[in-house]
Amino acid sequence: MRIDISIKEQTLRLVDAAGHVLHSYSVSTAANGAGEVTGSYCTPRGKHLVRAKIGAGLAANTILVGRRPNGEIYCRELAERFPTRDWILTRILWLSGCEPGRNRLGQVDTMRRYIYIHGSPDTTPMGRPGSHGCIRMRNADIVELFERVLPYTPVEISED
């Protein structure tokens, strides 16, 4: 099993060992486009893996801060109070780069950049760039994906 993410198509595909697409999801990658450098707020390209799965069993819309639930559930009132917050909700698949010098180590380290596949408010537009570097998904979609993948699942992020 592997995850393929297309920045151009704004899709995430779950693919089995034979290469068959099991499911395709609409996502939102970085508003700043593709790139690997720390502080760029871009989505890193290349070979990655799911280094950690965070949030098993949490309620949908649980707010995660520093990869931990903060005790709050996302709602319209919180959205209105914090209109510019980059919400990380429900589940996190924390990515680690596999290519030293491209997306691992030094100033291009995906894991040290805290790049995730994560849930977002259901009002967040999908199918177009908008994140700060992560791959945003709808909450129901990240829950489904989270249950289907294991730690160390390969992830390929490409521009095509």
N, C-alpha and C. Protein backbone atom coordinates (compact mmCIF):
# COMPACT_ATOMS: atom_id res chain seq x y z
N MET A 1 0.85 -1.18 0.00
CA MET A 1 0.00 0.00 0.00
C MET A 1 0.89 1.23 0.00
N ARG A 2 0.44 2.27 -0.72
CA ARG A 2 1.17 3.54 -0.74
C ARG A 2 0.17 4.67 -0.93
N ILE A 3 0.64 5.89 -0.66
CA ILE A 3 -0.13 7.11 -0.87
C ILE A 3 0.58 7.93 -1.94
N ASP A 4 -0.16 8.33 -2.97
CA ASP A 4 0.36 9.22 -4.01
C ASP A 4 -0.40 10.54 -3.92
N ILE A 5 0.33 11.65 -3.84
CA ILE A 5 -0.27 12.97 -3.76
C ILE A 5 0.17 13.78 -4.97
N SER A 6 -0.81 14.32 -5.70
CA SER A 6 -0.53 15.17 -6.85
C SER A 6 -0.83 16.62 -6.48
N ILE A 7 0.21 17.44 -6.50
CA ILE A 7 0.03 18.87 -6.22
C ILE A 7 -0.77 19.52 -7.35
N LYS A 8 -0.50 19.14 -8.59
CA LYS A 8 -1.21 19.71 -9.74
C LYS A 8 -2.71 19.40 -9.68
N GLU A 9 -3.04 18.14 -9.40
CA GLU A 9 -4.44 17.72 -9.38
C GLU A 9 -5.13 17.95 -8.03
N GLN A 10 -4.33 18.26 -6.99
CA GLN A 10 -4.87 18.43 -5.64
C GLN A 10 -5.64 17.17 -5.21
N THR A 11 -4.99 16.03 -5.43
CA THR A 11 -5.58 14.75 -5.05
C THR A 11 -4.60 13.90 -4.26
N LEU A 12 -5.15 13.06 -3.42
CA LEU A 12 -4.41 12.03 -2.70
C LEU A 12 -5.04 10.70 -3.10
N ARG A 13 -4.20 9.78 -3.54
CA ARG A 13 -4.69 8.46 -3.95
C ARG A 13 -4.07 7.39 -3.04
N LEU A 14 -4.91 6.51 -2.56
CA LEU A 14 -4.46 5.34 -1.82
C LEU A 14 -4.37 4.21 -2.84
N VAL A 15 -3.17 3.63 -2.97
CA VAL A 15 -2.89 2.67 -4.02
C VAL A 15 -2.43 1.35 -3.40
N ASP A 16 -2.94 0.23 -3.91
CA ASP A 16 -2.53 -1.07 -3.37
C ASP A 16 -1.21 -1.52 -4.01
N ALA A 17 -0.70 -2.66 -3.55
CA ALA A 17 0.60 -3.16 -4.00
C ALA A 17 0.63 -3.46 -5.50
N ALA A 18 -0.52 -3.76 -6.09
CA ALA A 18 -0.59 -4.04 -7.52
C ALA A 18 -0.74 -2.77 -8.36
N GLY A 19 -0.83 -1.61 -7.72
CA GLY A 19 -0.96 -0.34 -8.44
C GLY A 19 -2.37 0.10 -8.69
N HIS A 20 -3.34 -0.59 -8.11
CA HIS A 20 -4.75 -0.21 -8.27
C HIS A 20 -5.12 0.88 -7.28
N VAL A 21 -5.80 1.91 -7.75
CA VAL A 21 -6.26 3.00 -6.88
C VAL A 21 -7.44 2.49 -6.07
N LEU A 22 -7.28 2.46 -4.74
CA LEU A 22 -8.34 2.02 -3.85
C LEU A 22 -9.30 3.15 -3.54
N HIS A 23 -8.75 4.36 -3.44
CA HIS A 23 -9.59 5.52 -3.15
C HIS A 23 -8.85 6.78 -3.56
N SER A 24 -9.58 7.78 -3.99
CA SER A 24 -9.02 9.07 -4.35
C SER A 24 -9.74 10.14 -3.54
N TYR A 25 -8.97 11.07 -2.99
CA TYR A 25 -9.52 12.13 -2.15
C TYR A 25 -9.09 13.48 -2.69
N SER A 26 -9.95 14.46 -2.59
CA SER A 26 -9.61 15.84 -2.90
C SER A 26 -8.88 16.42 -1.68
N VAL A 27 -7.77 17.13 -1.92
CA VAL A 27 -6.97 17.69 -0.83
C VAL A 27 -6.64 19.15 -1.14
N SER A 28 -5.96 19.78 -0.21
CA SER A 28 -5.45 21.13 -0.41
C SER A 28 -3.99 21.14 0.04
N THR A 29 -3.09 21.42 -0.90
CA THR A 29 -1.68 21.53 -0.59
C THR A 29 -1.33 23.01 -0.40
N ALA A 30 -0.05 23.34 -0.36
CA ALA A 30 0.39 24.69 0.00
C ALA A 30 -0.02 25.78 -0.98
N ALA A 31 -0.49 26.88 -0.42
CA ALA A 31 -0.78 28.07 -1.22
C ALA A 31 0.48 28.59 -1.91
N ASN A 32 1.66 28.35 -1.29
CA ASN A 32 2.93 28.80 -1.86
C ASN A 32 3.52 27.83 -2.88
N GLY A 33 2.81 26.74 -3.17
CA GLY A 33 3.28 25.79 -4.17
C GLY A 33 4.21 24.73 -3.58
N ALA A 34 5.01 24.15 -4.45
CA ALA A 34 5.91 23.06 -4.07
C ALA A 34 7.27 23.62 -3.66
N GLY A 35 7.87 22.99 -2.66
CA GLY A 35 9.21 23.38 -2.22
C GLY A 35 9.55 22.71 -0.90
N GLU A 36 10.81 22.62 -0.63
CA GLU A 36 11.26 21.84 0.51
C GLU A 36 11.93 22.64 1.63
N VAL A 37 12.29 23.87 1.39
CA VAL A 37 13.11 24.64 2.33
C VAL A 37 12.31 25.05 3.57
N THR A 38 12.94 24.91 4.72
CA THR A 38 12.34 25.33 5.98
C THR A 38 11.93 26.80 5.89
N GLY A 39 10.72 27.10 6.36
CA GLY A 39 10.22 28.47 6.36
C GLY A 39 9.57 28.89 5.05
N SER A 40 9.54 28.01 4.05
CA SER A 40 8.97 28.37 2.74
C SER A 40 7.45 28.27 2.71
N TYR A 41 6.88 27.52 3.63
CA TYR A 41 5.44 27.24 3.65
C TYR A 41 4.98 26.60 2.34
N CYS A 42 5.86 25.76 1.79
CA CYS A 42 5.57 25.01 0.57
C CYS A 42 5.37 23.53 0.91
N THR A 43 4.71 22.81 0.01
CA THR A 43 4.54 21.37 0.17
C THR A 43 5.77 20.67 -0.41
N PRO A 44 6.43 19.83 0.41
CA PRO A 44 7.64 19.16 -0.07
C PRO A 44 7.33 18.04 -1.06
N ARG A 45 8.20 17.88 -2.04
CA ARG A 45 8.05 16.85 -3.05
C ARG A 45 8.93 15.64 -2.72
N GLY A 46 8.66 14.55 -3.44
CA GLY A 46 9.51 13.38 -3.36
C GLY A 46 8.97 12.26 -2.51
N LYS A 47 9.87 11.34 -2.20
CA LYS A 47 9.51 10.14 -1.44
C LYS A 47 9.51 10.44 0.05
N HIS A 48 8.43 10.05 0.69
CA HIS A 48 8.25 10.22 2.13
C HIS A 48 7.69 8.93 2.70
N LEU A 49 7.50 8.92 3.99
CA LEU A 49 6.78 7.84 4.64
C LEU A 49 5.99 8.41 5.81
N VAL A 50 4.96 7.67 6.21
CA VAL A 50 4.17 8.05 7.38
C VAL A 50 5.00 7.68 8.59
N ARG A 51 5.57 8.66 9.27
CA ARG A 51 6.43 8.39 10.42
C ARG A 51 5.64 8.15 11.69
N ALA A 52 4.49 8.84 11.82
CA ALA A 52 3.66 8.67 13.02
C ALA A 52 2.21 8.93 12.68
N LYS A 53 1.34 8.18 13.37
CA LYS A 53 -0.11 8.37 13.27
C LYS A 53 -0.56 8.92 14.62
N ILE A 54 -1.23 10.06 14.59
CA ILE A 54 -1.61 10.75 15.82
C ILE A 54 -3.11 11.03 15.80
N GLY A 55 -3.78 10.70 16.90
CA GLY A 55 -5.19 11.05 17.04
C GLY A 55 -6.16 9.89 17.00
N ALA A 56 -5.68 8.67 17.05
CA ALA A 56 -6.58 7.51 17.00
C ALA A 56 -7.66 7.65 18.07
N GLY A 57 -8.91 7.46 17.64
CA GLY A 57 -10.03 7.49 18.57
C GLY A 57 -10.56 8.85 18.94
N LEU A 58 -9.92 9.93 18.51
CA LEU A 58 -10.41 11.27 18.83
C LEU A 58 -11.71 11.55 18.07
N ALA A 59 -12.54 12.37 18.67
CA ALA A 59 -13.77 12.80 18.00
C ALA A 59 -13.44 13.66 16.79
N ALA A 60 -14.29 13.60 15.79
CA ALA A 60 -14.12 14.48 14.63
C ALA A 60 -14.10 15.93 15.10
N ASN A 61 -13.25 16.73 14.46
CA ASN A 61 -13.09 18.16 14.76
C ASN A 61 -12.33 18.44 16.05
N THR A 62 -11.72 17.42 16.67
CA THR A 62 -10.84 17.67 17.81
C THR A 62 -9.68 18.53 17.33
N ILE A 63 -9.40 19.60 18.07
CA ILE A 63 -8.31 20.50 17.71
C ILE A 63 -7.01 19.94 18.26
N LEU A 64 -6.00 19.86 17.37
CA LEU A 64 -4.67 19.38 17.76
C LEU A 64 -3.70 20.56 17.70
N VAL A 65 -2.97 20.75 18.79
CA VAL A 65 -1.96 21.80 18.88
C VAL A 65 -0.68 21.12 19.36
N GLY A 66 0.39 21.29 18.60
CA GLY A 66 1.62 20.59 18.95
C GLY A 66 1.42 19.08 18.95
N ARG A 67 0.57 18.61 18.06
CA ARG A 67 0.26 17.19 17.88
C ARG A 67 -0.47 16.57 19.06
N ARG A 68 -1.08 17.40 19.90
CA ARG A 68 -1.85 16.90 21.04
C ARG A 68 -3.23 17.57 21.05
N PRO A 69 -4.26 16.81 21.46
CA PRO A 69 -5.58 17.45 21.59
C PRO A 69 -5.52 18.53 22.66
N ASN A 70 -6.09 19.69 22.37
CA ASN A 70 -6.05 20.78 23.36
C ASN A 70 -7.32 20.85 24.20
N GLY A 71 -8.21 19.87 24.04
CA GLY A 71 -9.43 19.83 24.83
C GLY A 71 -10.61 20.53 24.19
N GLU A 72 -10.41 21.09 23.00
CA GLU A 72 -11.48 21.81 22.32
C GLU A 72 -11.91 21.07 21.06
N ILE A 73 -13.15 21.29 20.68
CA ILE A 73 -13.71 20.79 19.43
C ILE A 73 -13.98 22.00 18.54
N TYR A 74 -13.49 21.94 17.31
CA TYR A 74 -13.68 23.04 16.37
C TYR A 74 -15.18 23.31 16.18
N CYS A 75 -15.52 24.60 16.17
CA CYS A 75 -16.90 25.02 15.94
C CYS A 75 -16.89 26.42 15.31
N ARG A 76 -18.04 26.85 14.88
CA ARG A 76 -18.15 28.14 14.21
C ARG A 76 -17.67 29.29 15.10
N GLU A 77 -17.98 29.22 16.38
CA GLU A 77 -17.58 30.30 17.30
C GLU A 77 -16.06 30.43 17.39
N LEU A 78 -15.36 29.29 17.47
CA LEU A 78 -13.89 29.34 17.49
C LEU A 78 -13.35 29.88 16.17
N ALA A 79 -13.96 29.47 15.07
CA ALA A 79 -13.53 29.95 13.75
C ALA A 79 -13.68 31.47 13.67
N GLU A 80 -14.77 31.99 14.20
CA GLU A 80 -14.99 33.44 14.17
C GLU A 80 -14.03 34.17 15.10
N ARG A 81 -13.69 33.55 16.22
CA ARG A 81 -12.77 34.18 17.17
C ARG A 81 -11.32 34.17 16.67
N PHE A 82 -10.96 33.14 15.90
CA PHE A 82 -9.59 33.00 15.39
C PHE A 82 -9.62 32.79 13.87
N PRO A 83 -9.98 33.82 13.11
CA PRO A 83 -10.20 33.64 11.67
C PRO A 83 -8.95 33.30 10.86
N THR A 84 -7.76 33.56 11.36
CA THR A 84 -6.54 33.29 10.58
C THR A 84 -5.80 32.03 11.04
N ARG A 85 -6.34 31.33 12.02
CA ARG A 85 -5.67 30.13 12.53
C ARG A 85 -5.66 29.04 11.47
N ASP A 86 -4.53 28.33 11.38
CA ASP A 86 -4.41 27.17 10.49
C ASP A 86 -4.81 25.94 11.30
N TRP A 87 -6.06 25.54 11.19
CA TRP A 87 -6.63 24.48 12.02
C TRP A 87 -6.11 23.11 11.63
N ILE A 88 -5.66 22.36 12.62
CA ILE A 88 -5.26 20.97 12.45
C ILE A 88 -6.22 20.15 13.30
N LEU A 89 -7.04 19.35 12.61
CA LEU A 89 -8.15 18.68 13.28
C LEU A 89 -8.13 17.17 13.09
N THR A 90 -8.69 16.47 14.06
CA THR A 90 -9.15 15.09 13.98
C THR A 90 -8.04 14.04 13.97
N ARG A 91 -7.16 14.04 12.99
CA ARG A 91 -6.07 13.06 12.87
C ARG A 91 -4.88 13.72 12.18
N ILE A 92 -3.69 13.16 12.46
CA ILE A 92 -2.45 13.58 11.81
C ILE A 92 -1.71 12.35 11.32
N LEU A 93 -1.26 12.39 10.08
CA LEU A 93 -0.26 11.47 9.56
C LEU A 93 1.00 12.32 9.36
N TRP A 94 1.99 12.15 10.24
CA TRP A 94 3.20 12.98 10.22
C TRP A 94 4.17 12.37 9.23
N LEU A 95 4.62 13.18 8.26
CA LEU A 95 5.48 12.69 7.20
C LEU A 95 6.96 12.92 7.49
N SER A 96 7.77 11.99 7.01
CA SER A 96 9.22 12.10 7.09
C SER A 96 9.78 11.88 5.70
N GLY A 97 10.70 12.74 5.27
CA GLY A 97 11.33 12.59 3.96
C GLY A 97 12.28 11.41 3.94
N CYS A 98 12.47 10.87 2.76
CA CYS A 98 13.35 9.70 2.58
C CYS A 98 14.56 10.00 1.70
N GLU A 99 14.69 11.25 1.23
CA GLU A 99 15.74 11.59 0.28
C GLU A 99 16.66 12.67 0.87
N PRO A 100 17.80 12.25 1.47
CA PRO A 100 18.73 13.23 2.06
C PRO A 100 19.12 14.30 1.04
N GLY A 101 19.04 15.55 1.49
CA GLY A 101 19.37 16.68 0.63
C GLY A 101 18.20 17.20 -0.19
N ARG A 102 17.16 16.39 -0.32
CA ARG A 102 15.96 16.83 -1.05
C ARG A 102 14.83 17.13 -0.09
N ASN A 103 14.51 16.19 0.79
CA ASN A 103 13.41 16.39 1.75
C ASN A 103 13.73 15.81 3.13
N ARG A 104 15.02 15.56 3.35
CA ARG A 104 15.45 15.01 4.64
C ARG A 104 16.79 15.63 5.02
N LEU A 105 16.88 16.00 6.29
CA LEU A 105 18.08 16.58 6.90
C LEU A 105 18.28 18.04 6.48
N GLY A 106 19.07 18.74 7.26
CA GLY A 106 19.40 20.13 6.97
C GLY A 106 18.20 21.03 6.85
N GLN A 107 18.23 21.94 5.89
CA GLN A 107 17.18 22.94 5.69
C GLN A 107 16.00 22.44 4.86
N VAL A 108 15.98 21.14 4.55
CA VAL A 108 14.89 20.59 3.73
C VAL A 108 14.23 19.39 4.41
N ASP A 109 14.22 19.34 5.72
CA ASP A 109 13.73 18.17 6.45
C ASP A 109 12.22 18.24 6.67
N THR A 110 11.49 17.39 5.97
CA THR A 110 10.03 17.38 6.05
C THR A 110 9.53 17.18 7.47
N MET A 111 10.11 16.25 8.19
CA MET A 111 9.63 15.97 9.55
C MET A 111 9.88 17.15 10.48
N ARG A 112 11.05 17.75 10.40
CA ARG A 112 11.35 18.92 11.24
C ARG A 112 10.52 20.14 10.85
N ARG A 113 9.97 20.13 9.65
CA ARG A 113 9.07 21.20 9.21
C ARG A 113 7.63 20.94 9.68
N TYR A 114 7.41 19.80 10.30
CA TYR A 114 6.08 19.42 10.80
C TYR A 114 5.05 19.39 9.67
N ILE A 115 5.41 18.66 8.61
CA ILE A 115 4.51 18.50 7.47
C ILE A 115 3.64 17.28 7.73
N TYR A 116 2.32 17.49 7.69
CA TYR A 116 1.35 16.44 7.99
C TYR A 116 0.34 16.30 6.85
N ILE A 117 -0.31 15.15 6.85
CA ILE A 117 -1.61 14.99 6.22
C ILE A 117 -2.57 15.08 7.38
N HIS A 118 -3.51 16.03 7.35
CA HIS A 118 -4.36 16.24 8.53
C HIS A 118 -5.76 16.70 8.16
N GLY A 119 -6.65 16.59 9.12
CA GLY A 119 -8.02 17.06 8.95
C GLY A 119 -8.11 18.56 9.05
N SER A 120 -9.15 19.11 8.44
CA SER A 120 -9.39 20.55 8.39
C SER A 120 -10.88 20.81 8.57
N PRO A 121 -11.26 22.05 8.88
CA PRO A 121 -12.69 22.36 8.96
C PRO A 121 -13.39 21.98 7.66
N ASP A 122 -14.61 21.52 7.77
CA ASP A 122 -15.34 21.10 6.58
C ASP A 122 -15.63 22.26 5.63
N THR A 123 -15.47 23.49 6.10
CA THR A 123 -15.65 24.66 5.25
C THR A 123 -14.38 25.02 4.47
N THR A 124 -13.26 24.36 4.79
CA THR A 124 -12.01 24.63 4.09
C THR A 124 -12.10 24.12 2.65
N PRO A 125 -11.82 24.97 1.67
CA PRO A 125 -11.90 24.51 0.28
C PRO A 125 -10.87 23.42 -0.02
N MET A 126 -11.31 22.38 -0.70
CA MET A 126 -10.43 21.31 -1.18
C MET A 126 -10.36 21.43 -2.70
N GLY A 127 -9.35 20.79 -3.27
CA GLY A 127 -9.20 20.82 -4.72
C GLY A 127 -8.45 22.04 -5.22
N ARG A 128 -7.94 22.84 -4.29
CA ARG A 128 -7.12 23.99 -4.68
C ARG A 128 -6.12 24.27 -3.55
N PRO A 129 -4.95 24.82 -3.89
CA PRO A 129 -3.93 25.10 -2.88
C PRO A 129 -4.43 26.10 -1.85
N GLY A 130 -4.01 25.90 -0.59
CA GLY A 130 -4.44 26.83 0.45
C GLY A 130 -3.73 26.63 1.78
N SER A 131 -2.98 25.55 1.93
CA SER A 131 -2.35 25.25 3.22
C SER A 131 -1.04 26.01 3.41
N HIS A 132 -0.44 25.81 4.57
CA HIS A 132 0.86 26.40 4.88
C HIS A 132 1.99 25.42 4.62
N GLY A 133 1.72 24.36 3.87
CA GLY A 133 2.72 23.35 3.54
C GLY A 133 2.21 21.93 3.69
N CYS A 134 1.29 21.74 4.61
CA CYS A 134 0.71 20.41 4.85
C CYS A 134 -0.26 20.02 3.75
N ILE A 135 -0.76 18.79 3.86
CA ILE A 135 -1.80 18.31 2.97
C ILE A 135 -3.08 18.26 3.80
N ARG A 136 -4.01 19.13 3.49
CA ARG A 136 -5.28 19.20 4.22
C ARG A 136 -6.29 18.24 3.59
N MET A 137 -7.10 17.64 4.47
CA MET A 137 -8.17 16.75 4.02
C MET A 137 -9.44 17.07 4.80
N ARG A 138 -10.56 16.65 4.27
CA ARG A 138 -11.82 16.70 5.02
C ARG A 138 -11.71 15.72 6.19
N ASN A 139 -12.40 16.02 7.27
CA ASN A 139 -12.31 15.19 8.48
C ASN A 139 -12.72 13.74 8.24
N ALA A 140 -13.83 13.52 7.56
CA ALA A 140 -14.26 12.14 7.29
C ALA A 140 -13.22 11.41 6.44
N ASP A 141 -12.58 12.12 5.53
CA ASP A 141 -11.57 11.49 4.66
C ASP A 141 -10.31 11.13 5.43
N ILE A 142 -9.84 12.01 6.33
CA ILE A 142 -8.62 11.69 7.07
C ILE A 142 -8.88 10.54 8.04
N VAL A 143 -10.07 10.45 8.61
CA VAL A 143 -10.40 9.32 9.48
C VAL A 143 -10.34 8.02 8.69
N GLU A 144 -10.94 8.02 7.50
CA GLU A 144 -10.92 6.82 6.66
C GLU A 144 -9.51 6.43 6.27
N LEU A 145 -8.72 7.40 5.80
CA LEU A 145 -7.34 7.13 5.41
C LEU A 145 -6.52 6.63 6.59
N PHE A 146 -6.66 7.30 7.74
CA PHE A 146 -5.93 6.96 8.96
C PHE A 146 -6.13 5.49 9.32
N GLU A 147 -7.35 5.01 9.19
CA GLU A 147 -7.67 3.62 9.54
C GLU A 147 -7.09 2.63 8.54
N ARG A 148 -6.80 3.07 7.33
CA ARG A 148 -6.36 2.15 6.28
C ARG A 148 -4.85 2.04 6.13
N VAL A 149 -4.10 3.01 6.66
CA VAL A 149 -2.64 2.97 6.48
C VAL A 149 -1.94 2.67 7.80
N LEU A 150 -0.74 2.15 7.66
CA LEU A 150 0.11 1.81 8.81
C LEU A 150 1.27 2.79 8.88
N PRO A 151 1.90 2.89 10.05
CA PRO A 151 3.16 3.65 10.10
C PRO A 151 4.13 3.08 9.06
N TYR A 152 4.92 3.96 8.47
CA TYR A 152 5.92 3.65 7.46
C TYR A 152 5.33 3.36 6.08
N THR A 153 4.05 3.66 5.90
CA THR A 153 3.46 3.59 4.56
C THR A 153 4.19 4.59 3.67
N PRO A 154 4.64 4.18 2.48
CA PRO A 154 5.30 5.11 1.57
C PRO A 154 4.32 6.17 1.06
N VAL A 155 4.85 7.39 0.89
CA VAL A 155 4.08 8.52 0.38
C VAL A 155 4.93 9.20 -0.69
N GLU A 156 4.37 9.38 -1.87
CA GLU A 156 5.06 10.08 -2.95
C GLU A 156 4.28 11.37 -3.23
N ILE A 157 4.98 12.51 -3.14
CA ILE A 157 4.35 13.80 -3.44
C ILE A 157 5.00 14.33 -4.71
N SER A 158 4.16 14.56 -5.74
CA SER A 158 4.69 15.02 -7.01
C SER A 158 3.93 16.26 -7.49
N GLU A 159 4.54 16.97 -8.42
CA GLU A 159 3.89 18.16 -8.99
C GLU A 159 2.96 17.83 -10.14
N ASP A 160 3.06 16.61 -10.70
CA ASP A 160 2.21 16.25 -11.83
C ASP A 160 1.02 15.43 -11.43
